[in-house]
Structures are given as C-alpha cells and as structure tokens.
C-alpha cells in the first residue's frame, strides 16, 4: 500500500494540541503557522522552518541537514530561523513547542 503524504504543518499543529491561538497563514507565499499573529513555522521545500532561540536553536542546527533559512537563496540567512528536513519529523513537536514559546513570550494575553 502506498504511504499517504501528510502535511507537516497539520502534523505539527496536532502535536501542539490544536491550540486555538495557532492559525494557518502565509509568509513569502508559503504555508505557515502563526501563534497569536506571530509566524512560528513555515513549510519550505518539504522542510519545516522554525523560529527559535538559545538551546533549541542550537539543537535544530545540529540535526543532519538543519541550517539557517535563506528564503531568497542569496546568502543572507535569517538568523532566528532554522530549516529542518522532514526526515527529523520526530523532533517537530519539541521544536514547534519551542517556537511557540519563543514567539509568544512577549505578547500580552
């Protein structure tokens, strides 16, 4: 039987408990997840890109194929954003939680 290709952002949103403050939106014309209006994850070329800081940022960069995201492809990566290959989908729940906490840390309730 052929494996059904699932949407990594749907999987990520489910892993985060389908929080009502996380919405699907667009950034750079690509599908993404935003928490309280702040983008936290982007679907990019089959990978998921997470907005991270500190130890979580370093952890994502250490994953095989993890690298700073350069959406324009012109050698100017976005320092807070780490592109993580889909082969590391088992890490997406943790990284998604970290991205959620990072982008919502200074947003008023």
Protein backbone atom coordinates (compact mmCIF):
# COMPACT_ATOMS: atom_id res chain seq x y z
CA UNK A 1 0.00 0.00 0.00
CA UNK A 2 1.34 3.47 -0.86
CA UNK A 3 2.14 5.77 2.02
CA UNK A 4 -0.15 8.79 2.25
CA UNK A 5 1.80 12.03 2.11
CA UNK A 6 0.66 14.14 5.04
CA UNK A 7 1.09 17.85 5.56
CA UNK A 8 3.88 18.51 8.08
CA UNK A 9 2.17 21.67 9.33
CA UNK A 10 -1.03 19.73 10.05
CA UNK A 11 1.07 17.18 11.93
CA UNK A 12 2.83 19.96 13.82
CA UNK A 13 -0.41 21.68 14.75
CA UNK A 14 -1.82 18.37 16.01
CA UNK A 15 1.38 17.74 18.02
CA UNK A 16 0.87 21.12 19.66
CA UNK A 17 -2.58 20.09 20.83
CA UNK A 18 -4.52 22.02 18.18
CA UNK A 19 -4.24 25.22 20.23
CA UNK A 20 -6.88 27.74 19.22
CA UNK A 21 -4.32 30.56 19.12
CA UNK A 22 -2.31 28.86 16.35
CA UNK A 23 -3.61 29.61 12.86
CA UNK A 24 -2.60 28.62 9.37
CA UNK A 25 -1.50 31.59 7.26
CA UNK A 26 1.04 32.58 4.56
CA UNK A 27 4.55 34.09 4.64
CA UNK A 28 6.65 34.60 1.50
CA UNK A 29 3.71 32.96 -0.29
CA UNK A 30 4.28 29.74 1.67
CA UNK A 31 2.04 27.97 4.17
CA UNK A 32 2.92 28.64 7.78
CA UNK A 33 1.67 28.53 11.34
CA UNK A 34 1.30 31.68 13.40
CA UNK A 35 0.70 31.91 17.14
CA UNK A 36 -1.27 34.99 18.16
CA UNK A 37 -0.36 36.58 14.82
CA UNK A 38 3.40 35.84 15.01
CA UNK A 39 4.78 33.34 12.49
CA UNK A 40 6.48 30.40 14.21
CA UNK A 41 6.86 27.74 11.49
CA UNK A 42 6.97 27.77 7.69
CA UNK A 43 6.61 24.92 5.20
CA UNK A 44 9.52 25.35 2.79
CA UNK A 45 10.51 22.93 0.04
CA UNK A 46 9.13 19.99 2.04
CA UNK A 47 11.01 21.00 5.20
CA UNK A 48 9.72 22.90 8.21
CA UNK A 49 11.42 26.12 9.25
CA UNK A 50 11.14 27.09 12.92
CA UNK A 51 11.73 30.45 14.61
CA UNK A 52 13.95 29.54 17.56
CA UNK A 53 16.42 30.90 20.10
CA UNK A 54 19.00 29.59 22.56
CA UNK A 55 19.45 25.87 23.14
CA UNK A 56 16.52 24.95 20.89
CA UNK A 57 18.09 26.92 18.02
CA UNK A 58 21.41 25.14 18.57
CA UNK A 59 19.67 21.74 18.81
CA UNK A 60 17.90 22.27 15.48
CA UNK A 61 21.13 23.32 13.78
CA UNK A 62 22.83 20.12 14.98
CA UNK A 63 20.28 17.92 13.21
CA UNK A 64 21.58 16.38 9.99
CA UNK A 65 20.65 18.87 7.25
CA UNK A 66 19.50 21.56 9.69
CA UNK A 67 20.65 25.02 8.65
CA UNK A 68 19.83 28.69 8.86
CA UNK A 69 16.99 29.54 6.49
CA UNK A 70 17.81 31.65 3.45
CA UNK A 71 14.40 32.18 1.81
CA UNK A 72 15.80 34.32 -1.01
CA UNK A 73 18.70 31.95 -1.65
CA UNK A 74 21.15 34.83 -1.89
CA UNK A 75 23.46 34.08 1.02
CA UNK A 76 21.56 36.14 3.60
CA UNK A 77 20.05 33.65 6.06
CA UNK A 78 17.57 34.74 8.69
CA UNK A 79 19.42 34.23 11.99
CA UNK A 80 16.49 33.12 14.15
CA UNK A 81 15.05 30.69 11.61
CA UNK A 82 16.27 27.09 11.25
CA UNK A 83 15.24 24.89 8.32
CA UNK A 84 14.81 21.30 9.50
CA UNK A 85 14.47 18.46 6.97
CA UNK A 86 11.30 16.44 7.20
CA UNK A 87 13.31 13.30 7.98
CA UNK A 88 13.52 14.74 11.51
CA UNK A 89 9.73 14.89 11.93
CA UNK A 90 10.07 13.19 15.33
CA UNK A 91 11.67 16.46 16.54
CA UNK A 92 8.92 18.71 15.16
CA UNK A 93 6.74 18.54 18.29
CA UNK A 94 9.57 19.72 20.53
CA UNK A 95 10.76 22.34 18.06
CA UNK A 96 7.21 23.54 17.48
CA UNK A 97 6.67 23.92 21.22
CA UNK A 98 9.92 25.88 21.49
CA UNK A 99 8.96 28.10 18.54
CA UNK A 100 5.51 28.71 20.09
CA UNK A 101 7.05 29.70 23.42
CA UNK A 102 9.58 31.95 21.68
CA UNK A 103 7.14 33.90 19.54
CA UNK A 104 4.52 34.27 22.26
CA UNK A 105 6.89 35.13 25.12
CA UNK A 106 6.35 38.88 24.92
CA UNK A 107 2.78 39.01 23.63
CA UNK A 108 0.18 40.26 26.09
CA UNK A 109 -2.72 37.99 26.86
